[in-house]
C-alpha atoms as a PDB file:
ATOM      1  CA  UNK A   1       1.414  54.079 -29.081  1.00  0.00           C
ATOM      2  CA  UNK A   2      -0.215  50.655 -29.398  1.00  0.00           C
ATOM      3  CA  UNK A   3       3.148  49.045 -30.048  1.00  0.00           C
ATOM      4  CA  UNK A   4       4.585  50.665 -26.921  1.00  0.00           C
ATOM      5  CA  UNK A   5       1.693  49.334 -24.792  1.00  0.00           C
ATOM      6  CA  UNK A   6       2.170  45.836 -26.191  1.00  0.00           C
ATOM      7  CA  UNK A   7       5.869  45.969 -25.354  1.00  0.00           C
ATOM      8  CA  UNK A   8       5.103  47.028 -21.779  1.00  0.00           C
ATOM      9  CA  UNK A   9       2.505  44.250 -21.407  1.00  0.00           C
ATOM     10  CA  UNK A  10       4.892  41.663 -22.818  1.00  0.00           C
ATOM     11  CA  UNK A  11       7.627  42.765 -20.413  1.00  0.00           C
ATOM     12  CA  UNK A  12       5.212  42.517 -17.486  1.00  0.00           C
ATOM     13  CA  UNK A  13       4.235  38.957 -18.458  1.00  0.00           C
ATOM     14  CA  UNK A  14       7.892  37.932 -18.682  1.00  0.00           C
ATOM     15  CA  UNK A  15       8.510  39.431 -15.253  1.00  0.00           C
ATOM     16  CA  UNK A  16       5.577  37.654 -13.589  1.00  0.00           C
ATOM     17  CA  UNK A  17       5.943  34.293 -15.347  1.00  0.00           C
ATOM     18  CA  UNK A  18       8.561  32.794 -12.976  1.00  0.00           C
ATOM     19  CA  UNK A  19       6.243  33.490 -10.032  1.00  0.00           C
ATOM     20  CA  UNK A  20       3.189  31.733 -11.510  1.00  0.00           C
ATOM     21  CA  UNK A  21       2.405  28.447  -9.743  1.00  0.00           C
ATOM     22  CA  UNK A  22       2.627  25.350 -11.954  1.00  0.00           C
ATOM     23  CA  UNK A  23      -0.571  23.648 -13.032  1.00  0.00           C
ATOM     24  CA  UNK A  24      -1.254  20.582 -10.933  1.00  0.00           C
ATOM     25  CA  UNK A  25      -1.000  17.328 -12.864  1.00  0.00           C
ATOM     26  CA  UNK A  26      -2.458  13.984 -11.903  1.00  0.00           C
ATOM     27  CA  UNK A  27      -0.523  10.761 -11.490  1.00  0.00           C
ATOM     28  CA  UNK A  28      -3.799   8.831 -11.696  1.00  0.00           C
ATOM     29  CA  UNK A  29      -5.683   6.350  -9.516  1.00  0.00           C
ATOM     30  CA  UNK A  30      -4.049   3.835  -7.196  1.00  0.00           C
ATOM     31  CA  UNK A  31      -5.276   1.031  -4.987  1.00  0.00           C
ATOM     32  CA  UNK A  32      -5.215   1.348  -1.227  1.00  0.00           C
ATOM     33  CA  UNK A  33      -2.102  -0.127   0.458  1.00  0.00           C
ATOM     34  CA  UNK A  34      -0.191  -0.105  -2.840  1.00  0.00           C
ATOM     35  CA  UNK A  35       3.308   1.368  -3.205  1.00  0.00           C
ATOM     36  CA  UNK A  36       3.322   4.337  -5.589  1.00  0.00           C
ATOM     37  CA  UNK A  37       6.262   5.413  -7.729  1.00  0.00           C
ATOM     38  CA  UNK A  38       6.490   9.180  -8.161  1.00  0.00           C
ATOM     39  CA  UNK A  39       8.298  10.076 -11.401  1.00  0.00           C
ATOM     40  CA  UNK A  40       9.661  13.382 -12.617  1.00  0.00           C
ATOM     41  CA  UNK A  41      11.359  14.124 -15.945  1.00  0.00           C
ATOM     42  CA  UNK A  42      13.487  17.268 -16.088  1.00  0.00           C
ATOM     43  CA  UNK A  43      15.848  18.237 -18.880  1.00  0.00           C
ATOM     44  CA  UNK A  44      16.804  21.036 -21.219  1.00  0.00           C
ATOM     45  CA  UNK A  45      17.878  20.815 -24.839  1.00  0.00           C
ATOM     46  CA  UNK A  46      21.266  19.331 -23.967  1.00  0.00           C
ATOM     47  CA  UNK A  47      21.165  17.560 -20.593  1.00  0.00           C
ATOM     48  CA  UNK A  48      19.086  16.177 -17.724  1.00  0.00           C
ATOM     49  CA  UNK A  49      18.611  18.219 -14.556  1.00  0.00           C
ATOM     50  CA  UNK A  50      21.209  17.824 -11.828  1.00  0.00           C
ATOM     51  CA  UNK A  51      18.682  17.102  -9.082  1.00  0.00           C
ATOM     52  CA  UNK A  52      14.978  16.831  -8.203  1.00  0.00           C
ATOM     53  CA  UNK A  53      13.670  17.252  -4.664  1.00  0.00           C
ATOM     54  CA  UNK A  54      10.222  16.725  -3.216  1.00  0.00           C
ATOM     55  CA  UNK A  55       9.148  19.638  -1.031  1.00  0.00           C
ATOM     56  CA  UNK A  56       6.198  17.791   0.497  1.00  0.00           C
ATOM     57  CA  UNK A  57       3.876  14.807   0.156  1.00  0.00           C
ATOM     58  CA  UNK A  58       0.528  15.359   1.871  1.00  0.00           C
ATOM     59  CA  UNK A  59      -2.344  13.150   2.930  1.00  0.00           C
ATOM     60  CA  UNK A  60      -5.899  13.968   1.728  1.00  0.00           C
ATOM     61  CA  UNK A  61      -6.444  15.933   4.972  1.00  0.00           C
ATOM     62  CA  UNK A  62      -3.359  18.071   4.015  1.00  0.00           C
ATOM     63  CA  UNK A  63      -1.212  16.717   6.850  1.00  0.00           C
ATOM     64  CA  UNK A  64       2.387  16.159   5.710  1.00  0.00           C
ATOM     65  CA  UNK A  65       3.706  12.635   5.204  1.00  0.00           C
ATOM     66  CA  UNK A  66       7.238  13.643   4.175  1.00  0.00           C
ATOM     67  CA  UNK A  67       9.075  16.844   3.348  1.00  0.00           C
ATOM     68  CA  UNK A  68      12.450  17.765   1.816  1.00  0.00           C
ATOM     69  CA  UNK A  69      13.142  14.472   0.057  1.00  0.00           C
ATOM     70  CA  UNK A  70      15.817  13.959  -2.575  1.00  0.00           C
ATOM     71  CA  UNK A  71      14.557  11.907  -5.536  1.00  0.00           C
ATOM     72  CA  UNK A  72      16.746   9.169  -6.967  1.00  0.00           C
ATOM     73  CA  UNK A  73      18.317   9.841 -10.367  1.00  0.00           C
ATOM     74  CA  UNK A  74      18.032   7.231 -13.103  1.00  0.00           C
ATOM     75  CA  UNK A  75      19.001   7.280 -16.764  1.00  0.00           C
ATOM     76  CA  UNK A  76      16.264   9.616 -17.985  1.00  0.00           C
ATOM     77  CA  UNK A  77      14.225  10.618 -14.962  1.00  0.00           C
ATOM     78  CA  UNK A  78      14.024  11.013 -11.208  1.00  0.00           C
ATOM     79  CA  UNK A  79      11.903   8.847  -8.950  1.00  0.00           C
ATOM     80  CA  UNK A  80      10.741   8.289  -5.397  1.00  0.00           C
ATOM     81  CA  UNK A  81       8.638   5.369  -4.100  1.00  0.00           C
ATOM     82  CA  UNK A  82       5.955   6.068  -1.524  1.00  0.00           C
ATOM     83  CA  UNK A  83       5.614   2.761   0.298  1.00  0.00           C
ATOM     84  CA  UNK A  84       2.281   1.056   0.847  1.00  0.00           C
ATOM     85  CA  UNK A  85       2.126   1.740   4.596  1.00  0.00           C
ATOM     86  CA  UNK A  86       1.604   5.420   3.701  1.00  0.00           C
ATOM     87  CA  UNK A  87      -1.276   4.842   1.262  1.00  0.00           C
ATOM     88  CA  UNK A  88      -3.900   3.517   3.653  1.00  0.00           C
ATOM     89  CA  UNK A  89      -6.087   6.633   3.626  1.00  0.00           C
ATOM     90  CA  UNK A  90      -8.593   7.102   0.804  1.00  0.00           C
ATOM     91  CA  UNK A  91      -8.685  10.389  -1.073  1.00  0.00           C
ATOM     92  CA  UNK A  92      -6.487  12.792  -3.033  1.00  0.00           C
ATOM     93  CA  UNK A  93      -2.823  13.124  -2.069  1.00  0.00           C
ATOM     94  CA  UNK A  94      -0.590  16.002  -3.221  1.00  0.00           C
ATOM     95  CA  UNK A  95       3.089  16.114  -4.183  1.00  0.00           C
ATOM     96  CA  UNK A  96       5.121  19.310  -4.611  1.00  0.00           C
ATOM     97  CA  UNK A  97       8.769  19.721  -5.518  1.00  0.00           C
ATOM     98  CA  UNK A  98      11.425  21.278  -7.699  1.00  0.00           C
ATOM     99  CA  UNK A  99      14.227  20.300 -10.082  1.00  0.00           C
ATOM    100  CA  UNK A 100      17.242  22.299 -11.064  1.00  0.00           C
ATOM    101  CA  UNK A 101      20.494  22.754 -12.926  1.00  0.00           C
ATOM    102  CA  UNK A 102      23.299  25.192 -12.278  1.00  0.00           C
ATOM    103  CA  UNK A 103      21.406  28.027 -13.969  1.00  0.00           C
ATOM    104  CA  UNK A 104      17.680  27.074 -13.930  1.00  0.00           C
ATOM    105  CA  UNK A 105      14.944  25.903 -11.588  1.00  0.00           C
ATOM    106  CA  UNK A 106      11.710  24.076 -12.389  1.00  0.00           C
ATOM    107  CA  UNK A 107       8.896  23.477  -9.904  1.00  0.00           C
ATOM    108  CA  UNK A 108       6.292  20.722 -10.174  1.00  0.00           C
ATOM    109  CA  UNK A 109       3.011  19.821  -8.496  1.00  0.00           C
ATOM    110  CA  UNK A 110       1.150  16.516  -8.717  1.00  0.00           C
ATOM    111  CA  UNK A 111      -1.799  14.849  -7.127  1.00  0.00           C
ATOM    112  CA  UNK A 112      -2.969  11.258  -7.122  1.00  0.00           C
ATOM    113  CA  UNK A 113      -6.067   9.549  -5.773  1.00  0.00           C
ATOM    114  CA  UNK A 114      -6.151   6.428  -3.638  1.00  0.00           C
ATOM    115  CA  UNK A 115      -9.341   4.350  -3.797  1.00  0.00           C
ATOM    116  CA  UNK A 116     -10.256   1.016  -2.295  1.00  0.00           C
ATOM    117  CA  UNK A 117      -9.866  -0.884  -5.579  1.00  0.00           C
ATOM    118  CA  UNK A 118      -7.748   1.527  -7.638  1.00  0.00           C
ATOM    119  CA  UNK A 119     -10.687   2.436  -9.854  1.00  0.00           C
ATOM    120  CA  UNK A 120     -12.922   5.473 -10.247  1.00  0.00           C
ATOM    121  CA  UNK A 121     -15.942   5.811  -7.995  1.00  0.00           C
ATOM    122  CA  UNK A 122     -18.867   3.796  -9.414  1.00  0.00           C
ATOM    123  CA  UNK A 123     -21.774   5.504 -11.115  1.00  0.00           C
ATOM    124  CA  UNK A 124     -25.247   5.678  -9.598  1.00  0.00           C
ATOM    125  CA  UNK A 125     -26.452   2.859 -11.837  1.00  0.00           C
ATOM    126  CA  UNK A 126     -23.711   0.512 -10.607  1.00  0.00           C
ATOM    127  CA  UNK A 127     -24.514   1.347  -6.981  1.00  0.00           C
ATOM    128  CA  UNK A 128     -28.240   0.675  -7.502  1.00  0.00           C
ATOM    129  CA  UNK A 129     -27.520  -2.604  -9.338  1.00  0.00           C
ATOM    130  CA  UNK A 130     -25.248  -3.984  -6.618  1.00  0.00           C
ATOM    131  CA  UNK A 131     -27.574  -2.770  -3.855  1.00  0.00           C
ATOM    132  CA  UNK A 132     -30.476  -4.726  -5.381  1.00  0.00           C
ATOM    133  CA  UNK A 133     -28.224  -7.730  -5.980  1.00  0.00           C
ATOM    134  CA  UNK A 134     -26.999  -7.742  -2.373  1.00  0.00           C
ATOM    135  CA  UNK A 135     -30.568  -7.439  -1.111  1.00  0.00           C
ATOM    136  CA  UNK A 136     -31.678 -10.382  -3.233  1.00  0.00           C
ATOM    137  CA  UNK A 137     -28.716 -12.510  -2.146  1.00  0.00           C
ATOM    138  CA  UNK A 138     -29.115 -11.794   1.576  1.00  0.00           C
ATOM    139  CA  UNK A 139     -32.906 -12.324   1.476  1.00  0.00           C
ATOM    140  CA  UNK A 140     -32.435 -15.550  -0.452  1.00  0.00           C
ATOM    141  CA  UNK A 141     -29.850 -16.844   2.012  1.00  0.00           C
ATOM    142  CA  UNK A 142     -32.112 -16.111   4.993  1.00  0.00           C
ATOM    143  CA  UNK A 143     -35.004 -17.902   3.300  1.00  0.00           C
ATOM    144  CA  UNK A 144     -32.733 -20.819   2.484  1.00  0.00           C
ATOM    145  CA  UNK A 145     -31.571 -20.990   6.102  1.00  0.00           C
ATOM    146  CA  UNK A 146     -35.163 -21.292   7.332  1.00  0.00           C
ATOM    147  CA  UNK A 147     -35.848 -23.964   4.695  1.00  0.00           C
ATOM    148  CA  UNK A 148     -32.731 -25.861   5.783  1.00  0.00           C
ATOM    149  CA  UNK A 149     -33.819 -25.859   9.417  1.00  0.00           C
ATOM    150  CA  UNK A 150     -37.157 -27.480   8.581  1.00  0.00           C
ATOM    151  CA  UNK A 151     -35.503 -30.064   6.338  1.00  0.00           C
ATOM    152  CA  UNK A 152     -32.886 -30.886   8.991  1.00  0.00           C
ATOM    153  CA  UNK A 153     -35.533 -31.305  11.705  1.00  0.00           C
ATOM    154  CA  UNK A 154     -37.312 -33.812   9.481  1.00  0.00           C
ATOM    155  CA  UNK A 155     -34.012 -35.543   8.653  1.00  0.00           C
ATOM    156  CA  UNK A 156     -35.022 -35.287   5.038  1.00  0.00           C
ATOM    157  CA  UNK A 157     -32.081 -33.428   3.515  1.00  0.00           C
ATOM    158  CA  UNK A 158     -31.443 -34.803   0.015  1.00  0.00           C
ATOM    159  CA  UNK A 159     -28.852 -34.200  -2.705  1.00  0.00           C
ATOM    160  CA  UNK A 160     -30.945 -31.494  -4.342  1.00  0.00           C
ATOM    161  CA  UNK A 161     -30.974 -29.474  -1.117  1.00  0.00           C
ATOM    162  CA  UNK A 162     -27.216 -29.856  -0.799  1.00  0.00           C
ATOM    163  CA  UNK A 163     -26.612 -28.657  -4.368  1.00  0.00           C
ATOM    164  CA  UNK A 164     -28.870 -25.605  -3.860  1.00  0.00           C
ATOM    165  CA  UNK A 165     -27.009 -24.590  -0.691  1.00  0.00           C
ATOM    166  CA  UNK A 166     -23.513 -24.957  -2.109  1.00  0.00           C
ATOM    167  CA  UNK A 167     -24.550 -23.173  -5.319  1.00  0.00           C
ATOM    168  CA  UNK A 168     -25.967 -20.271  -3.290  1.00  0.00           C
ATOM    169  CA  UNK A 169     -22.701 -20.034  -1.340  1.00  0.00           C
ATOM    170  CA  UNK A 170     -20.586 -19.825  -4.476  1.00  0.00           C
ATOM    171  CA  UNK A 171     -23.008 -17.303  -5.990  1.00  0.00           C
ATOM    172  CA  UNK A 172     -22.457 -15.126  -2.919  1.00  0.00           C
ATOM    173  CA  UNK A 173     -18.698 -15.494  -3.312  1.00  0.00           C
ATOM    174  CA  UNK A 174     -18.887 -14.424  -6.975  1.00  0.00           C
ATOM    175  CA  UNK A 175     -20.995 -11.383  -6.045  1.00  0.00           C
ATOM    176  CA  UNK A 176     -18.390 -10.461  -3.415  1.00  0.00           C
ATOM    177  CA  UNK A 177     -15.561 -10.615  -5.983  1.00  0.00           C
ATOM    178  CA  UNK A 178     -17.445  -8.463  -8.503  1.00  0.00           C
ATOM    179  CA  UNK A 179     -18.526  -6.027  -5.797  1.00  0.00           C
ATOM    180  CA  UNK A 180     -14.949  -5.635  -4.600  1.00  0.00           C
ATOM    181  CA  UNK A 181     -13.762  -5.062  -8.160  1.00  0.00           C
ATOM    182  CA  UNK A 182     -16.428  -2.666  -9.427  1.00  0.00           C
ATOM    183  CA  UNK A 183     -18.146  -1.171  -6.362  1.00  0.00           C
ATOM    184  CA  UNK A 184     -15.184  -0.577  -4.075  1.00  0.00           C
ATOM    185  CA  UNK A 185     -17.110   0.078  -0.862  1.00  0.00           C
ATOM    186  CA  UNK A 186     -15.304  -0.882   2.354  1.00  0.00           C
ATOM    187  CA  UNK A 187     -18.523  -1.320   4.391  1.00  0.00           C
ATOM    188  CA  UNK A 188     -20.091  -3.605   1.769  1.00  0.00           C
ATOM    189  CA  UNK A 189     -16.865  -5.620   1.482  1.00  0.00           C
ATOM    190  CA  UNK A 190     -16.653  -6.106   5.263  1.00  0.00           C
ATOM    191  CA  UNK A 191     -20.343  -7.038   5.475  1.00  0.00           C
ATOM    192  CA  UNK A 192     -20.064  -9.597   2.665  1.00  0.00           C
ATOM    193  CA  UNK A 193     -16.923 -11.088   4.208  1.00  0.00           C
ATOM    194  CA  UNK A 194     -18.904 -11.604   7.422  1.00  0.00           C
ATOM    195  CA  UNK A 195     -21.807 -13.137   5.477  1.00  0.00           C
ATOM    196  CA  UNK A 196     -19.427 -15.455   3.591  1.00  0.00           C
ATOM    197  CA  UNK A 197     -17.868 -16.624   6.859  1.00  0.00           C
ATOM    198  CA  UNK A 198     -21.308 -17.241   8.375  1.00  0.00           C
ATOM    199  CA  UNK A 199     -22.786 -19.034   5.362  1.00  0.00           C
ATOM    200  CA  UNK A 200     -19.737 -21.270   5.121  1.00  0.00           C
ATOM    201  CA  UNK A 201     -21.174 -22.918   8.223  1.00  0.00           C
ATOM    202  CA  UNK A 202     -24.918 -22.573   7.590  1.00  0.00           C
ATOM    203  CA  UNK A 203     -24.909 -23.294   3.845  1.00  0.00           C
ATOM    204  CA  UNK A 204     -21.962 -25.636   3.373  1.00  0.00           C
ATOM    205  CA  UNK A 205     -20.842 -27.483   6.507  1.00  0.00           C
ATOM    206  CA  UNK A 206     -24.247 -28.037   8.120  1.00  0.00           C
ATOM    207  CA  UNK A 207     -25.955 -29.074   4.844  1.00  0.00           C
ATOM    208  CA  UNK A 208     -23.188 -31.611   4.199  1.00  0.00           C
ATOM    209  CA  UNK A 209     -23.633 -33.037   7.713  1.00  0.00           C
ATOM    210  CA  UNK A 210     -27.436 -33.015   7.312  1.00  0.00           C
ATOM    211  CA  UNK A 211     -27.206 -34.779   3.950  1.00  0.00           C
ATOM    212  CA  UNK A 212     -24.921 -37.510   5.360  1.00  0.00           C
ATOM    213  CA  UNK A 213     -27.114 -38.020   8.411  1.00  0.00           C
ATOM    214  CA  UNK A 214     -30.286 -38.087   6.307  1.00  0.00           C
ATOM    215  CA  UNK A 215     -28.686 -40.562   3.930  1.00  0.00           C
ATOM    216  CA  UNK A 216     -27.647 -42.983   6.689  1.00  0.00           C
ATOM    217  CA  UNK A 217     -31.017 -42.600   8.401  1.00  0.00           C
ATOM    218  CA  UNK A 218     -32.726 -43.473   5.124  1.00  0.00           C
ATOM    219  CA  UNK A 219     -30.438 -46.478   4.662  1.00  0.00           C
ATOM    220  CA  UNK A 220     -31.045 -47.604   8.233  1.00  0.00           C
ATOM    221  CA  UNK A 221     -34.835 -47.338   8.164  1.00  0.00           C
ATOM    222  CA  UNK A 222     -34.996 -48.575   4.605  1.00  0.00           C
ATOM    223  CA  UNK A 223     -33.047 -51.644   5.592  1.00  0.00           C
ATOM    224  CA  UNK A 224     -35.394 -52.331   8.490  1.00  0.00           C
ATOM    225  CA  UNK A 225     -38.473 -51.916   6.317  1.00  0.00           C
ATOM    226  CA  UNK A 226     -37.030 -54.425   3.914  1.00  0.00           C
END
């Protein structure tokens, strides 16, 4: 009796198995605006599948990018390249399709995630660290700007002041590079790009002009005093 029940259960599993949806696999993380190669390997014990087609590629909001695409056949796999103008949205994309031979059919389902920098979302500790670092940098630059104004009004801008300003500018640039690499926040990147553009004038160009003017003023008045 038990054996008969097991045989019935086994037959039911074999009957339902072709209708079970495939487990979704991940192609990994990719950077925004990067072309993505979608690969599929399909073969049996003797030969490679005759064809592989993509049923649909969907944006993170589930809207369809493409449907009914034939993948290109290479030596040992099939491939399709999703060009970078279709990877501008951040989030998880999905890919569904099927491969086949004359007597068999195999379905596949993938997803992949597009992030700003092609890396996983940062942990809470990384976010807190960069937030404090950005706050320190911005506060320091504002304080330095006020200091520069007083020094320029007095025409007493020396080499030490110039070195401090240029060093602060390059420190900001380094923070921007690390933030872009490890934080991957579009708002922070845009804000720092604006700050870099602004401080290029206030902390590099103007200090250089102020230093030159202060130097020549010192030479002029020093010469007269002599």
